[in-house]
Amino acid sequence: MAYVITDDCTTCGACISVCPVEAISEGEDKYKIDPDTCTDCGLCADECPFDAIKQG
């Protein structure tokens, strides 16, 4: 199951650089994760300083 970015996202960008499949991109007011590309590795959730990424 792909990870999702919650409204706690501050668009700091910490998650983008650690995603090995480039599944994270800028959304309107927070980053978003493409569920078709996400491999469920969890690196983004580990990197997020605001705990804004959860397993969806």
PDB file of N, CA and C in Angstrom:
ATOM      1  N   MET A   1       0.843  -1.177   0.000  1.00  0.00           N
ATOM      2  CA  MET A   1       0.000   0.000   0.000  1.00  0.00           C
ATOM      3  C   MET A   1       0.892   1.245   0.000  1.00  0.00           C
ATOM      4  N   ALA A   2       0.637   2.146  -0.881  1.00  0.00           N
ATOM      5  CA  ALA A   2       1.454   3.345  -1.034  1.00  0.00           C
ATOM      6  C   ALA A   2       1.337   4.269   0.172  1.00  0.00           C
ATOM      7  N   TYR A   3       2.349   5.063   0.357  1.00  0.00           N
ATOM      8  CA  TYR A   3       2.331   6.075   1.406  1.00  0.00           C
ATOM      9  C   TYR A   3       1.566   7.295   0.923  1.00  0.00           C
ATOM     10  N   VAL A   4       1.041   8.073   1.873  1.00  0.00           N
ATOM     11  CA  VAL A   4       0.327   9.309   1.555  1.00  0.00           C
ATOM     12  C   VAL A   4       0.889  10.431   2.413  1.00  0.00           C
ATOM     13  N   ILE A   5       0.786  11.641   1.905  1.00  0.00           N
ATOM     14  CA  ILE A   5       1.267  12.812   2.627  1.00  0.00           C
ATOM     15  C   ILE A   5       0.061  13.539   3.212  1.00  0.00           C
ATOM     16  N   THR A   6       0.092  13.771   4.508  1.00  0.00           N
ATOM     17  CA  THR A   6      -1.027  14.389   5.211  1.00  0.00           C
ATOM     18  C   THR A   6      -0.940  15.916   5.140  1.00  0.00           C
ATOM     19  N   ASP A   7      -1.940  16.565   5.704  1.00  0.00           N
ATOM     20  CA  ASP A   7      -1.975  18.027   5.735  1.00  0.00           C
ATOM     21  C   ASP A   7      -0.902  18.619   6.645  1.00  0.00           C
ATOM     22  N   ASP A   8      -0.176  17.781   7.389  1.00  0.00           N
ATOM     23  CA  ASP A   8       0.920  18.261   8.228  1.00  0.00           C
ATOM     24  C   ASP A   8       2.152  18.620   7.405  1.00  0.00           C
ATOM     25  N   CYS A   9       2.131  18.331   6.113  1.00  0.00           N
ATOM     26  CA  CYS A   9       3.251  18.621   5.219  1.00  0.00           C
ATOM     27  C   CYS A   9       3.505  20.125   5.149  1.00  0.00           C
ATOM     28  N   THR A  10       4.773  20.494   5.292  1.00  0.00           N
ATOM     29  CA  THR A  10       5.165  21.906   5.204  1.00  0.00           C
ATOM     30  C   THR A  10       5.938  22.195   3.921  1.00  0.00           C
ATOM     31  N   THR A  11       5.971  21.251   3.015  1.00  0.00           N
ATOM     32  CA  THR A  11       6.716  21.324   1.751  1.00  0.00           C
ATOM     33  C   THR A  11       8.190  21.661   1.963  1.00  0.00           C
ATOM     34  N   CYS A  12       8.787  21.030   2.963  1.00  0.00           N
ATOM     35  CA  CYS A  12      10.202  21.271   3.247  1.00  0.00           C
ATOM     36  C   CYS A  12      11.108  20.605   2.215  1.00  0.00           C
ATOM     37  N   GLY A  13      10.618  19.539   1.562  1.00  0.00           N
ATOM     38  CA  GLY A  13      11.393  18.881   0.524  1.00  0.00           C
ATOM     39  C   GLY A  13      12.282  17.742   0.986  1.00  0.00           C
ATOM     40  N   ALA A  14      12.288  17.446   2.265  1.00  0.00           N
ATOM     41  CA  ALA A  14      13.165  16.388   2.780  1.00  0.00           C
ATOM     42  C   ALA A  14      12.860  15.027   2.158  1.00  0.00           C
ATOM     43  N   CYS A  15      11.612  14.778   1.855  1.00  0.00           N
ATOM     44  CA  CYS A  15      11.211  13.468   1.334  1.00  0.00           C
ATOM     45  C   CYS A  15      11.590  13.253  -0.127  1.00  0.00           C
ATOM     46  N   ILE A  16      11.605  14.307  -0.894  1.00  0.00           N
ATOM     47  CA  ILE A  16      11.835  14.172  -2.338  1.00  0.00           C
ATOM     48  C   ILE A  16      13.196  13.556  -2.648  1.00  0.00           C
ATOM     49  N   SER A  17      14.208  13.993  -1.953  1.00  0.00           N
ATOM     50  CA  SER A  17      15.566  13.536  -2.272  1.00  0.00           C
ATOM     51  C   SER A  17      15.820  12.079  -1.899  1.00  0.00           C
ATOM     52  N   VAL A  18      15.015  11.507  -1.005  1.00  0.00           N
ATOM     53  CA  VAL A  18      15.261  10.124  -0.595  1.00  0.00           C
ATOM     54  C   VAL A  18      14.408   9.098  -1.341  1.00  0.00           C
ATOM     55  N   CYS A  19      13.446   9.541  -2.124  1.00  0.00           N
ATOM     56  CA  CYS A  19      12.580   8.601  -2.847  1.00  0.00           C
ATOM     57  C   CYS A  19      13.347   7.975  -4.013  1.00  0.00           C
ATOM     58  N   PRO A  20      13.564   6.660  -3.965  1.00  0.00           N
ATOM     59  CA  PRO A  20      14.364   6.007  -5.011  1.00  0.00           C
ATOM     60  C   PRO A  20      13.655   5.881  -6.361  1.00  0.00           C
ATOM     61  N   VAL A  21      12.330   6.064  -6.384  1.00  0.00           N
ATOM     62  CA  VAL A  21      11.586   5.913  -7.631  1.00  0.00           C
ATOM     63  C   VAL A  21      10.934   7.223  -8.090  1.00  0.00           C
ATOM     64  N   GLU A  22      11.289   8.314  -7.442  1.00  0.00           N
ATOM     65  CA  GLU A  22      10.796   9.656  -7.792  1.00  0.00           C
ATOM     66  C   GLU A  22       9.264   9.710  -7.840  1.00  0.00           C
ATOM     67  N   ALA A  23       8.626   9.143  -6.816  1.00  0.00           N
ATOM     68  CA  ALA A  23       7.167   9.104  -6.743  1.00  0.00           C
ATOM     69  C   ALA A  23       6.570  10.362  -6.114  1.00  0.00           C
ATOM     70  N   ILE A  24       7.415  11.235  -5.562  1.00  0.00           N
ATOM     71  CA  ILE A  24       6.931  12.420  -4.855  1.00  0.00           C
ATOM     72  C   ILE A  24       7.088  13.652  -5.734  1.00  0.00           C
ATOM     73  N   SER A  25       6.023  14.446  -5.767  1.00  0.00           N
ATOM     74  CA  SER A  25       6.057  15.675  -6.561  1.00  0.00           C
ATOM     75  C   SER A  25       5.299  16.773  -5.824  1.00  0.00           C
ATOM     76  N   GLU A  26       5.456  18.004  -6.317  1.00  0.00           N
ATOM     77  CA  GLU A  26       4.773  19.131  -5.702  1.00  0.00           C
ATOM     78  C   GLU A  26       3.299  19.116  -6.074  1.00  0.00           C
ATOM     79  N   GLY A  27       2.454  19.322  -5.072  1.00  0.00           N
ATOM     80  CA  GLY A  27       1.030  19.480  -5.295  1.00  0.00           C
ATOM     81  C   GLY A  27       0.682  20.956  -5.129  1.00  0.00           C
ATOM     82  N   GLU A  28      -0.592  21.253  -4.986  1.00  0.00           N
ATOM     83  CA  GLU A  28      -0.999  22.653  -4.841  1.00  0.00           C
ATOM     84  C   GLU A  28      -0.518  23.262  -3.531  1.00  0.00           C
ATOM     85  N   ASP A  29      -0.794  22.581  -2.415  1.00  0.00           N
ATOM     86  CA  ASP A  29      -0.394  23.140  -1.125  1.00  0.00           C
ATOM     87  C   ASP A  29       0.409  22.172  -0.270  1.00  0.00           C
ATOM     88  N   LYS A  30       0.733  21.005  -0.802  1.00  0.00           N
ATOM     89  CA  LYS A  30       1.603  20.040  -0.140  1.00  0.00           C
ATOM     90  C   LYS A  30       2.141  19.091  -1.205  1.00  0.00           C
ATOM     91  N   TYR A  31       3.141  18.325  -0.844  1.00  0.00           N
ATOM     92  CA  TYR A  31       3.668  17.334  -1.778  1.00  0.00           C
ATOM     93  C   TYR A  31       2.685  16.180  -1.898  1.00  0.00           C
ATOM     94  N   LYS A  32       2.816  15.410  -2.975  1.00  0.00           N
ATOM     95  CA  LYS A  32       1.941  14.258  -3.172  1.00  0.00           C
ATOM     96  C   LYS A  32       2.777  13.073  -3.629  1.00  0.00           C
ATOM     97  N   ILE A  33       2.274  11.889  -3.359  1.00  0.00           N
ATOM     98  CA  ILE A  33       2.945  10.649  -3.733  1.00  0.00           C
ATOM     99  C   ILE A  33       2.082   9.927  -4.756  1.00  0.00           C
ATOM    100  N   ASP A  34       2.679   9.575  -5.881  1.00  0.00           N
ATOM    101  CA  ASP A  34       1.972   8.828  -6.920  1.00  0.00           C
ATOM    102  C   ASP A  34       1.854   7.376  -6.461  1.00  0.00           C
ATOM    103  N   PRO A  35       0.633   6.908  -6.181  1.00  0.00           N
ATOM    104  CA  PRO A  35       0.478   5.544  -5.657  1.00  0.00           C
ATOM    105  C   PRO A  35       0.872   4.456  -6.654  1.00  0.00           C
ATOM    106  N   ASP A  36       0.857   4.767  -7.928  1.00  0.00           N
ATOM    107  CA  ASP A  36       1.248   3.777  -8.937  1.00  0.00           C
ATOM    108  C   ASP A  36       2.763   3.630  -9.031  1.00  0.00           C
ATOM    109  N   THR A  37       3.491   4.644  -8.610  1.00  0.00           N
ATOM    110  CA  THR A  37       4.947   4.625  -8.668  1.00  0.00           C
ATOM    111  C   THR A  37       5.570   4.212  -7.335  1.00  0.00           C
ATOM    112  N   CYS A  38       4.920   4.560  -6.240  1.00  0.00           N
ATOM    113  CA  CYS A  38       5.436   4.272  -4.895  1.00  0.00           C
ATOM    114  C   CYS A  38       5.647   2.769  -4.709  1.00  0.00           C
ATOM    115  N   THR A  39       6.822   2.402  -4.183  1.00  0.00           N
ATOM    116  CA  THR A  39       7.150   0.997  -3.946  1.00  0.00           C
ATOM    117  C   THR A  39       6.999   0.605  -2.479  1.00  0.00           C
ATOM    118  N   ASP A  40       6.469   1.512  -1.664  1.00  0.00           N
ATOM    119  CA  ASP A  40       6.200   1.233  -0.256  1.00  0.00           C
ATOM    120  C   ASP A  40       7.472   0.970   0.546  1.00  0.00           C
ATOM    121  N   CYS A  41       8.551   1.655   0.195  1.00  0.00           N
ATOM    122  CA  CYS A  41       9.819   1.418   0.894  1.00  0.00           C
ATOM    123  C   CYS A  41       9.876   2.118   2.260  1.00  0.00           C
ATOM    124  N   GLY A  42       9.143   3.228   2.412  1.00  0.00           N
ATOM    125  CA  GLY A  42       9.100   3.923   3.696  1.00  0.00           C
ATOM    126  C   GLY A  42      10.212   4.919   3.958  1.00  0.00           C
ATOM    127  N   LEU A  43      11.126   5.085   3.008  1.00  0.00           N
ATOM    128  CA  LEU A  43      12.222   6.023   3.216  1.00  0.00           C
ATOM    129  C   LEU A  43      11.727   7.452   3.415  1.00  0.00           C
ATOM    130  N   CYS A  44      10.692   7.830   2.697  1.00  0.00           N
ATOM    131  CA  CYS A  44      10.155   9.187   2.814  1.00  0.00           C
ATOM    132  C   CYS A  44       9.575   9.429   4.203  1.00  0.00           C
ATOM    133  N   ALA A  45       8.852   8.447   4.733  1.00  0.00           N
ATOM    134  CA  ALA A  45       8.255   8.578   6.066  1.00  0.00           C
ATOM    135  C   ALA A  45       9.341   8.694   7.129  1.00  0.00           C
ATOM    136  N   ASP A  46      10.415   7.941   6.967  1.00  0.00           N
ATOM    137  CA  ASP A  46      11.528   8.004   7.919  1.00  0.00           C
ATOM    138  C   ASP A  46      12.218   9.363   7.882  1.00  0.00           C
ATOM    139  N   GLU A  47      12.268   9.979   6.720  1.00  0.00           N
ATOM    140  CA  GLU A  47      12.982  11.238   6.529  1.00  0.00           C
ATOM    141  C   GLU A  47      12.164  12.467   6.942  1.00  0.00           C
ATOM    142  N   CYS A  48      10.842  12.370   6.919  1.00  0.00           N
ATOM    143  CA  CYS A  48       9.980  13.532   7.177  1.00  0.00           C
ATOM    144  C   CYS A  48      10.111  14.023   8.618  1.00  0.00           C
ATOM    145  N   PRO A  49      10.567  15.282   8.809  1.00  0.00           N
ATOM    146  CA  PRO A  49      10.752  15.808  10.163  1.00  0.00           C
ATOM    147  C   PRO A  49       9.431  16.190  10.839  1.00  0.00           C
ATOM    148  N   PHE A  50       8.343  16.178  10.091  1.00  0.00           N
ATOM    149  CA  PHE A  50       7.046  16.592  10.637  1.00  0.00           C
ATOM    150  C   PHE A  50       6.070  15.429  10.765  1.00  0.00           C
ATOM    151  N   ASP A  51       6.540  14.194  10.509  1.00  0.00           N
ATOM    152  CA  ASP A  51       5.713  13.008  10.602  1.00  0.00           C
ATOM    153  C   ASP A  51       4.444  13.148   9.770  1.00  0.00           C
ATOM    154  N   ALA A  52       4.599  13.725   8.575  1.00  0.00           N
ATOM    155  CA  ALA A  52       3.455  14.006   7.708  1.00  0.00           C
ATOM    156  C   ALA A  52       3.219  12.936   6.658  1.00  0.00           C
ATOM    157  N   ILE A  53       3.991  11.858   6.684  1.00  0.00           N
ATOM    158  CA  ILE A  53       3.842  10.804   5.686  1.00  0.00           C
ATOM    159  C   ILE A  53       3.440   9.523   6.396  1.00  0.00           C
ATOM    160  N   LYS A  54       2.301   8.983   5.984  1.00  0.00           N
ATOM    161  CA  LYS A  54       1.738   7.790   6.615  1.00  0.00           C
ATOM    162  C   LYS A  54       1.478   6.723   5.573  1.00  0.00           C
ATOM    163  N   GLN A  55       1.476   5.494   6.022  1.00  0.00           N
ATOM    164  CA  GLN A  55       1.133   4.408   5.112  1.00  0.00           C
ATOM    165  C   GLN A  55      -0.362   4.460   4.862  1.00  0.00           C
ATOM    166  N   GLY A  56      -0.734   4.539   3.587  1.00  0.00           N
ATOM    167  CA  GLY A  56      -2.136   4.742   3.222  1.00  0.00           C
ATOM    168  C   GLY A  56      -2.862   3.487   3.051  1.00  0.00           C
TER     169      GLY A  56
END
